[in-house]
């Protein structure tokens, strides 16, 4: 009989275990190695936090839910943890904090585990039931028992790293509601028509502004062989853009209409004029066969060009999907979870942390910040029992 079983040896699960005091802990991990998704984070450098963090940086059906955990465990707390384990880190001008390596953060999490913690790898979770005052957990062909159960299984994004929807199945088995999950912090795939139009733009990157409804983000945009990727679009994808109209300003610093009027030249075609401010291959794709001397453009044509370059509007065929999405948005409904402890309001002793909850952060360290904060909240409550 363990005091607590933690499902998942990822960032949130390991950190939770490291902060639980004086308890017998069992961590069950389906992969043959711990922390695979953490190792891949930040391009191997682990973007572990953002200095400009606010609860407003999270998408959820209850935007204020994360305030308690985020204010109880802050950046300075995690910095102290890294310093204690001699992990070097830097803060960039945009507020993102990176470790010297993702591996160093994982090693710190493993080193911080108490002696009372046992880790079983290649032990894939199957199901859990509650019997009287303890949980019976089936995993890896064995059955384990514990007084408390912590689900840190994440979401289904990046199945190549062992991700699955197991957390949702567990939650539903105990009567919890699931807010419709969807891939987030990911790119989009063009319709066949747009794929043909932008066939020669793969590899082009530029600073742009993307919007969908009231949500708008500026930043890097990258053309792929299938559609679009890059930080700006990743941020937008957090807000559920599937099947919705997206608008792109390819020249956010330039009023195209005014630029054309100021740069009319009798000897230059409009394609040459616009190629001075953005990649020629992109100009050609956006013009889509239209080209004439800039001096011959009439008022309507100039406005049409402004609409194309400053407000290109389209509906993507689909998102790139869970296979390439950095996180899964949606998840276990917060109405049934304590915001202070992350404990289920339905089943005493059952906790959820990190990505499996309906709390999804923007790109830039926000999701790992939530992993640490929610795990710390769980550990504090279990330690007090």
Protein backbone atom coordinates (compact mmCIF):
# COMPACT_ATOMS: atom_id res chain seq x y z
CA UNK A 1 0.00 0.00 0.00
CA UNK A 2 1.56 3.28 -1.17
CA UNK A 3 0.63 6.71 0.15
CA UNK A 4 0.43 8.02 -3.40
CA UNK A 5 0.65 6.71 -6.94
CA UNK A 6 1.59 9.20 -9.64
CA UNK A 7 0.69 8.32 -13.22
CA UNK A 8 3.31 9.76 -15.58
CA UNK A 9 7.02 10.50 -15.16
CA UNK A 10 6.93 13.70 -17.15
CA UNK A 11 7.62 17.24 -15.96
CA UNK A 12 4.52 17.57 -13.79
CA UNK A 13 4.57 14.05 -12.37
CA UNK A 14 8.24 14.09 -11.40
CA UNK A 15 8.05 17.58 -9.92
CA UNK A 16 5.00 16.62 -7.89
CA UNK A 17 6.83 13.59 -6.47
CA UNK A 18 9.89 15.69 -5.64
CA UNK A 19 7.81 17.96 -3.39
CA UNK A 20 5.78 15.37 -1.49
CA UNK A 21 7.10 15.01 2.01
CA UNK A 22 7.29 11.86 4.16
CA UNK A 23 5.15 9.65 1.94
CA UNK A 24 5.71 6.36 0.14
CA UNK A 25 5.43 7.19 -3.56
CA UNK A 26 5.12 5.06 -6.69
CA UNK A 27 5.54 6.67 -10.12
CA UNK A 28 4.23 4.67 -13.07
CA UNK A 29 5.51 5.54 -16.57
CA UNK A 30 4.48 3.84 -19.81
CA UNK A 31 7.65 4.77 -21.70
CA UNK A 32 10.99 3.03 -21.20
CA UNK A 33 12.52 6.38 -20.19
CA UNK A 34 11.17 9.27 -18.11
CA UNK A 35 10.57 12.83 -19.31
CA UNK A 36 10.64 12.25 -23.08
CA UNK A 37 8.44 15.25 -23.88
CA UNK A 38 10.45 17.43 -21.49
CA UNK A 39 13.66 16.45 -23.28
CA UNK A 40 12.17 17.64 -26.57
CA UNK A 41 10.98 20.98 -25.17
CA UNK A 42 12.51 24.28 -26.24
CA UNK A 43 14.56 22.63 -28.96
CA UNK A 44 16.48 20.72 -26.30
CA UNK A 45 17.01 23.80 -24.14
CA UNK A 46 13.78 23.61 -22.09
CA UNK A 47 11.88 26.90 -22.10
CA UNK A 48 10.81 26.31 -18.50
CA UNK A 49 9.07 29.61 -17.62
CA UNK A 50 8.16 33.10 -18.79
CA UNK A 51 8.99 36.15 -16.69
CA UNK A 52 5.91 38.01 -17.98
CA UNK A 53 3.49 35.29 -16.94
CA UNK A 54 -0.12 36.15 -16.08
CA UNK A 55 -3.28 34.09 -15.75
CA UNK A 56 -4.42 35.93 -18.90
CA UNK A 57 -1.83 33.94 -20.88
CA UNK A 58 -3.94 30.80 -20.46
CA UNK A 59 -6.92 29.60 -22.45
CA UNK A 60 -9.64 27.87 -20.42
CA UNK A 61 -13.38 27.78 -19.78
CA UNK A 62 -12.52 29.25 -16.37
CA UNK A 63 -9.71 31.78 -17.00
CA UNK A 64 -9.22 32.57 -13.31
CA UNK A 65 -8.86 28.96 -12.20
CA UNK A 66 -5.07 28.95 -12.51
CA UNK A 67 -4.49 32.10 -10.39
CA UNK A 68 -4.23 30.30 -7.04
CA UNK A 69 -1.60 27.77 -8.18
CA UNK A 70 0.43 30.29 -10.21
CA UNK A 71 0.62 32.75 -7.32
CA UNK A 72 1.45 30.04 -4.77
CA UNK A 73 4.39 28.72 -6.79
CA UNK A 74 6.28 31.41 -8.72
CA UNK A 75 9.25 31.86 -11.01
CA UNK A 76 11.60 32.64 -8.13
CA UNK A 77 10.65 29.34 -6.51
CA UNK A 78 11.57 27.35 -9.60
CA UNK A 79 14.76 29.36 -10.08
CA UNK A 80 15.75 28.36 -6.54
CA UNK A 81 15.07 24.71 -7.42
CA UNK A 82 17.32 24.93 -10.48
CA UNK A 83 20.08 26.68 -8.56
CA UNK A 84 19.92 24.04 -5.83
CA UNK A 85 20.56 21.39 -8.48
CA UNK A 86 23.21 23.48 -10.28
CA UNK A 87 21.22 23.92 -13.49
CA UNK A 88 22.31 27.01 -15.43
CA UNK A 89 19.66 29.14 -17.13
CA UNK A 90 19.25 32.44 -18.97
CA UNK A 91 16.43 34.91 -19.51
CA UNK A 92 15.92 36.33 -22.99
CA UNK A 93 14.66 39.86 -23.77
CA UNK A 94 11.19 38.50 -24.61
CA UNK A 95 10.84 37.07 -21.07
CA UNK A 96 11.46 33.43 -21.98
CA UNK A 97 13.71 31.49 -19.61
CA UNK A 98 15.82 28.64 -20.95
CA UNK A 99 17.93 26.07 -19.16
CA UNK A 100 21.39 25.09 -20.37
CA UNK A 101 19.70 21.92 -21.61
CA UNK A 102 16.45 20.01 -21.23
CA UNK A 103 18.51 17.06 -20.04
CA UNK A 104 19.85 19.09 -17.09
CA UNK A 105 16.29 19.91 -15.95
CA UNK A 106 15.24 16.25 -16.19
CA UNK A 107 18.32 15.19 -14.22
CA UNK A 108 17.43 17.76 -11.53
CA UNK A 109 13.87 16.42 -11.27
CA UNK A 110 15.13 12.85 -10.91
CA UNK A 111 17.78 13.86 -8.38
CA UNK A 112 15.13 15.68 -6.32
CA UNK A 113 12.97 12.57 -5.88
CA UNK A 114 12.82 11.49 -2.24
CA UNK A 115 14.28 8.12 -1.26
CA UNK A 116 10.73 6.97 -0.58
CA UNK A 117 9.85 7.34 -4.28
CA UNK A 118 9.92 4.35 -6.60
CA UNK A 119 9.82 4.73 -10.40
CA UNK A 120 8.57 1.93 -12.62
CA UNK A 121 9.22 2.39 -16.34
CA UNK A 122 7.54 0.56 -19.23
CA UNK A 123 4.53 0.23 -16.92
CA UNK A 124 1.64 1.55 -18.98
CA UNK A 125 -1.47 2.63 -17.10
CA UNK A 126 -4.61 0.63 -17.83
CA UNK A 127 -7.34 1.56 -15.33
CA UNK A 128 -8.04 2.63 -11.76
CA UNK A 129 -10.89 2.04 -9.35
CA UNK A 130 -11.52 3.21 -5.79
CA UNK A 131 -12.25 0.65 -3.12
CA UNK A 132 -13.28 2.08 0.25
CA UNK A 133 -10.43 4.45 1.18
CA UNK A 134 -7.78 3.45 -1.38
CA UNK A 135 -7.24 3.25 -5.15
CA UNK A 136 -6.48 0.07 -7.05
CA UNK A 137 -4.42 0.81 -10.14
CA UNK A 138 -3.80 -1.64 -12.98
CA UNK A 139 -0.66 -0.94 -15.03
CA UNK A 140 1.90 -3.02 -16.89
CA UNK A 141 0.11 -6.24 -16.03
CA UNK A 142 0.31 -5.59 -12.28
CA UNK A 143 -2.02 -4.13 -9.68
CA UNK A 144 -0.93 -1.42 -7.23
CA UNK A 145 -2.70 0.21 -4.30
CA UNK A 146 -2.50 3.72 -2.87
CA UNK A 147 -4.43 6.11 -0.66
CA UNK A 148 -4.00 8.96 -3.17
CA UNK A 149 -3.83 8.93 -6.97
CA UNK A 150 -2.28 11.69 -9.08
CA UNK A 151 -2.89 11.79 -12.83
CA UNK A 152 -0.03 13.55 -14.64
CA UNK A 153 -0.53 11.80 -17.98
CA UNK A 154 -0.80 14.95 -20.11
CA UNK A 155 -2.77 15.01 -23.36
CA UNK A 156 -2.62 13.17 -26.70
CA UNK A 157 -0.24 15.62 -28.44
CA UNK A 158 2.95 14.03 -29.77
CA UNK A 159 1.97 10.33 -29.62
CA UNK A 160 5.47 9.48 -30.90
CA UNK A 161 6.67 10.38 -27.40
CA UNK A 162 4.09 8.15 -25.75
CA UNK A 163 1.30 10.73 -25.39
CA UNK A 164 -2.28 9.48 -25.27
CA UNK A 165 -5.79 10.35 -24.12
CA UNK A 166 -5.50 8.04 -21.08
CA UNK A 167 -5.97 10.93 -18.64
CA UNK A 168 -9.39 11.70 -20.11
CA UNK A 169 -10.47 8.06 -19.92
CA UNK A 170 -9.39 7.93 -16.26
CA UNK A 171 -11.23 11.15 -15.44
CA UNK A 172 -14.42 9.98 -17.17
CA UNK A 173 -14.29 6.67 -15.30
CA UNK A 174 -14.61 8.68 -12.08
CA UNK A 175 -17.47 10.80 -13.41
CA UNK A 176 -15.55 13.84 -14.65
CA UNK A 177 -16.54 15.90 -17.69
CA UNK A 178 -14.12 16.50 -20.57
CA UNK A 179 -14.03 19.85 -22.36
CA UNK A 180 -13.58 18.97 -26.04
CA UNK A 181 -9.80 18.57 -26.60
CA UNK A 182 -8.06 19.90 -29.70
CA UNK A 183 -4.45 20.17 -30.92
CA UNK A 184 -2.90 23.55 -30.09
CA UNK A 185 0.37 25.41 -30.58
CA UNK A 186 0.52 23.92 -34.05
CA UNK A 187 0.37 24.90 -37.72
CA UNK A 188 -2.38 24.70 -40.33
CA UNK A 189 -2.81 22.85 -43.61
CA UNK A 190 -4.01 24.69 -46.73
CA UNK A 191 -6.88 23.61 -48.93
CA UNK A 192 -5.77 22.03 -52.21
CA UNK A 193 -6.42 25.33 -54.00
CA UNK A 194 -4.15 27.26 -51.66
CA UNK A 195 -1.51 24.51 -51.71
CA UNK A 196 -1.26 24.99 -55.47
CA UNK A 197 -1.19 28.77 -55.17
CA UNK A 198 1.60 28.77 -52.55
CA UNK A 199 3.49 25.75 -53.93
CA UNK A 200 6.72 27.74 -54.41
CA UNK A 201 6.74 29.44 -51.00
CA UNK A 202 7.90 26.53 -48.80
CA UNK A 203 10.71 27.69 -46.53
CA UNK A 204 9.82 31.38 -46.65
CA UNK A 205 9.68 33.01 -43.22
CA UNK A 206 8.72 36.57 -42.30
CA UNK A 207 7.25 38.69 -39.53
CA UNK A 208 3.49 38.89 -39.89
CA UNK A 209 0.30 39.45 -37.96
CA UNK A 210 -2.38 36.75 -37.81
CA UNK A 211 -5.89 37.03 -36.42
CA UNK A 212 -9.07 35.05 -35.96
CA UNK A 213 -12.04 36.89 -34.55
CA UNK A 214 -10.85 39.06 -31.66
CA UNK A 215 -7.61 37.12 -31.17
CA UNK A 216 -4.55 38.64 -32.88
CA UNK A 217 -0.83 37.80 -32.69
CA UNK A 218 2.29 39.15 -34.31
CA UNK A 219 5.51 37.22 -34.83
CA UNK A 220 7.24 34.75 -37.09
CA UNK A 221 5.31 32.99 -39.85
CA UNK A 222 6.74 30.07 -41.84
CA UNK A 223 5.47 28.59 -45.08
CA UNK A 224 5.67 24.77 -45.20
CA UNK A 225 4.97 22.26 -47.97
CA UNK A 226 1.46 21.80 -46.57
CA UNK A 227 0.52 25.21 -45.20
CA UNK A 228 1.72 27.56 -42.48
CA UNK A 229 3.62 27.26 -39.23
CA UNK A 230 5.61 29.55 -36.93
CA UNK A 231 5.15 31.26 -33.54
CA UNK A 232 2.44 33.72 -34.60
CA UNK A 233 0.19 30.97 -35.93
CA UNK A 234 1.00 28.68 -32.99
CA UNK A 235 -0.28 31.33 -30.60
CA UNK A 236 -3.47 31.77 -32.61
CA UNK A 237 -4.11 28.01 -32.73
CA UNK A 238 -4.55 28.02 -28.95
CA UNK A 239 -7.94 29.68 -29.39
CA UNK A 240 -9.69 26.98 -31.43
CA UNK A 241 -9.34 28.10 -35.06
CA UNK A 242 -10.48 24.88 -36.74
CA UNK A 243 -13.00 25.68 -39.47
CA UNK A 244 -12.75 29.42 -38.82
CA UNK A 245 -11.66 32.30 -41.04
CA UNK A 246 -8.06 33.47 -40.53
CA UNK A 247 -6.69 36.84 -41.58
CA UNK A 248 -2.99 37.51 -42.24
CA UNK A 249 -1.25 40.85 -42.55
CA UNK A 250 1.94 39.99 -44.44
CA UNK A 251 3.29 43.53 -44.05
CA UNK A 252 2.20 44.71 -40.57
CA UNK A 253 4.60 47.66 -40.63
CA UNK A 254 3.48 48.86 -44.06
CA UNK A 255 0.23 50.37 -45.32
CA UNK A 256 0.28 48.70 -48.74
CA UNK A 257 -2.18 51.14 -50.26
CA UNK A 258 -0.08 54.14 -49.23
CA UNK A 259 3.14 52.35 -50.20
CA UNK A 260 1.93 51.67 -53.74
CA UNK A 261 0.77 55.26 -54.20
CA UNK A 262 4.11 56.58 -52.97
CA UNK A 263 6.14 54.20 -55.13
CA UNK A 264 4.36 54.39 -58.47
CA UNK A 265 6.96 54.04 -61.19
CA UNK A 266 6.13 53.98 -64.85
CA UNK A 267 8.85 51.46 -65.70
CA UNK A 268 8.24 49.00 -62.83
CA UNK A 269 5.54 46.37 -62.53
CA UNK A 270 3.76 46.11 -59.18
CA UNK A 271 5.44 42.74 -58.54
CA UNK A 272 8.85 44.44 -58.60
CA UNK A 273 7.67 47.29 -56.37
CA UNK A 274 6.28 44.94 -53.71
CA UNK A 275 9.30 42.61 -53.94
CA UNK A 276 11.22 45.42 -52.27
CA UNK A 277 9.45 44.83 -48.95
CA UNK A 278 8.83 41.04 -48.89
CA UNK A 279 10.12 37.82 -50.52
CA UNK A 280 9.55 37.86 -54.32
CA UNK A 281 8.20 34.28 -54.32
CA UNK A 282 5.56 35.27 -51.78
CA UNK A 283 4.68 38.39 -53.76
CA UNK A 284 4.16 36.25 -56.86
CA UNK A 285 1.90 33.82 -54.97
CA UNK A 286 -0.18 36.59 -53.44
CA UNK A 287 -0.59 38.39 -56.77
CA UNK A 288 -1.79 35.06 -58.18
CA UNK A 289 -1.17 35.95 -61.82
CA UNK A 290 -2.03 39.64 -61.56
CA UNK A 291 0.74 42.05 -62.60
CA UNK A 292 0.90 45.37 -64.38
CA UNK A 293 2.86 48.59 -64.30
CA UNK A 294 2.41 50.28 -60.96
CA UNK A 295 1.71 53.61 -62.63
CA UNK A 296 -1.29 52.09 -64.43
CA UNK A 297 -3.06 50.83 -61.32
CA UNK A 298 -6.46 52.33 -60.64
CA UNK A 299 -7.93 53.06 -57.22
CA UNK A 300 -9.88 49.78 -57.02
CA UNK A 301 -6.86 47.70 -57.99
CA UNK A 302 -4.72 49.38 -55.34
CA UNK A 303 -7.36 48.65 -52.70
CA UNK A 304 -7.58 45.00 -53.83
CA UNK A 305 -3.81 44.67 -53.46
CA UNK A 306 -3.96 46.24 -50.00
CA UNK A 307 -6.62 43.71 -48.99
CA UNK A 308 -4.46 40.82 -50.24
CA UNK A 309 -1.18 41.89 -48.61
CA UNK A 310 -2.51 43.53 -45.43
CA UNK A 311 -5.60 41.35 -44.86
CA UNK A 312 -5.29 38.02 -46.69
CA UNK A 313 -8.34 36.03 -45.58
CA UNK A 314 -8.87 32.27 -45.87
CA UNK A 315 -10.17 29.20 -44.04
CA UNK A 316 -7.61 26.40 -43.55
CA UNK A 317 -8.43 22.84 -44.45
CA UNK A 318 -7.38 21.65 -40.98
CA UNK A 319 -4.77 21.92 -38.24
CA UNK A 320 -1.60 19.85 -38.46
CA UNK A 321 -3.04 17.61 -35.74
CA UNK A 322 -1.92 15.92 -32.53
CA UNK A 323 1.12 14.41 -34.26
CA UNK A 324 2.80 17.83 -34.46
CA UNK A 325 0.93 19.91 -31.87
CA UNK A 326 3.02 20.99 -28.90
CA UNK A 327 0.08 20.71 -26.49
CA UNK A 328 -3.54 19.65 -26.29
CA UNK A 329 -6.05 22.36 -25.37
CA UNK A 330 -9.31 21.54 -23.61
CA UNK A 331 -9.30 18.63 -21.19
CA UNK A 332 -10.73 17.79 -17.78
CA UNK A 333 -13.39 20.32 -16.76
CA UNK A 334 -12.28 22.69 -14.03
CA UNK A 335 -15.77 22.86 -12.53
CA UNK A 336 -15.05 19.52 -10.86
CA UNK A 337 -11.50 20.33 -9.64
CA UNK A 338 -10.29 22.37 -6.64
CA UNK A 339 -8.27 25.35 -7.85
CA UNK A 340 -6.17 25.31 -4.66
CA UNK A 341 -5.26 21.63 -4.50
CA UNK A 342 -6.11 20.16 -7.96
CA UNK A 343 -8.10 17.49 -6.12
CA UNK A 344 -11.24 16.06 -7.64
CA UNK A 345 -14.46 17.40 -6.15
CA UNK A 346 -16.07 14.09 -7.08
CA UNK A 347 -13.56 11.58 -5.69
CA UNK A 348 -11.50 12.32 -2.59
CA UNK A 349 -7.79 11.54 -3.01
CA UNK A 350 -7.83 11.83 -6.81
CA UNK A 351 -5.72 14.65 -8.29
CA UNK A 352 -4.93 15.98 -11.76
CA UNK A 353 -1.97 18.11 -12.82
CA UNK A 354 -0.58 19.82 -15.90
CA UNK A 355 -1.75 19.47 -19.47
CA UNK A 356 -4.63 17.04 -18.90
CA UNK A 357 -6.62 19.84 -17.24
CA UNK A 358 -8.51 22.47 -19.23
CA UNK A 359 -5.69 25.00 -18.78
CA UNK A 360 -3.61 25.73 -21.89
CA UNK A 361 -0.83 28.30 -22.03
CA UNK A 362 0.61 30.32 -24.87
CA UNK A 363 3.90 29.44 -26.53
CA UNK A 364 6.92 30.56 -24.53
CA UNK A 365 7.28 28.64 -21.26
CA UNK A 366 3.74 29.08 -19.99
CA UNK A 367 2.77 25.41 -20.11
CA UNK A 368 5.77 24.18 -18.14
CA UNK A 369 5.08 26.98 -15.63
CA UNK A 370 1.59 25.47 -15.23
CA UNK A 371 3.10 21.99 -14.89
CA UNK A 372 5.28 23.15 -11.96
CA UNK A 373 2.55 25.21 -10.28
CA UNK A 374 -0.23 22.61 -10.48
CA UNK A 375 2.17 19.87 -9.32
CA UNK A 376 3.28 21.99 -6.37
CA UNK A 377 -0.37 22.51 -5.36
CA UNK A 378 -1.00 18.76 -5.38
CA UNK A 379 2.20 17.98 -3.45
CA UNK A 380 1.39 20.54 -0.78
CA UNK A 381 -2.08 19.08 -0.18
CA UNK A 382 -0.93 15.44 -0.12
CA UNK A 383 2.00 16.28 2.19
CA UNK A 384 -0.40 17.88 4.66
CA UNK A 385 -2.52 14.74 5.00
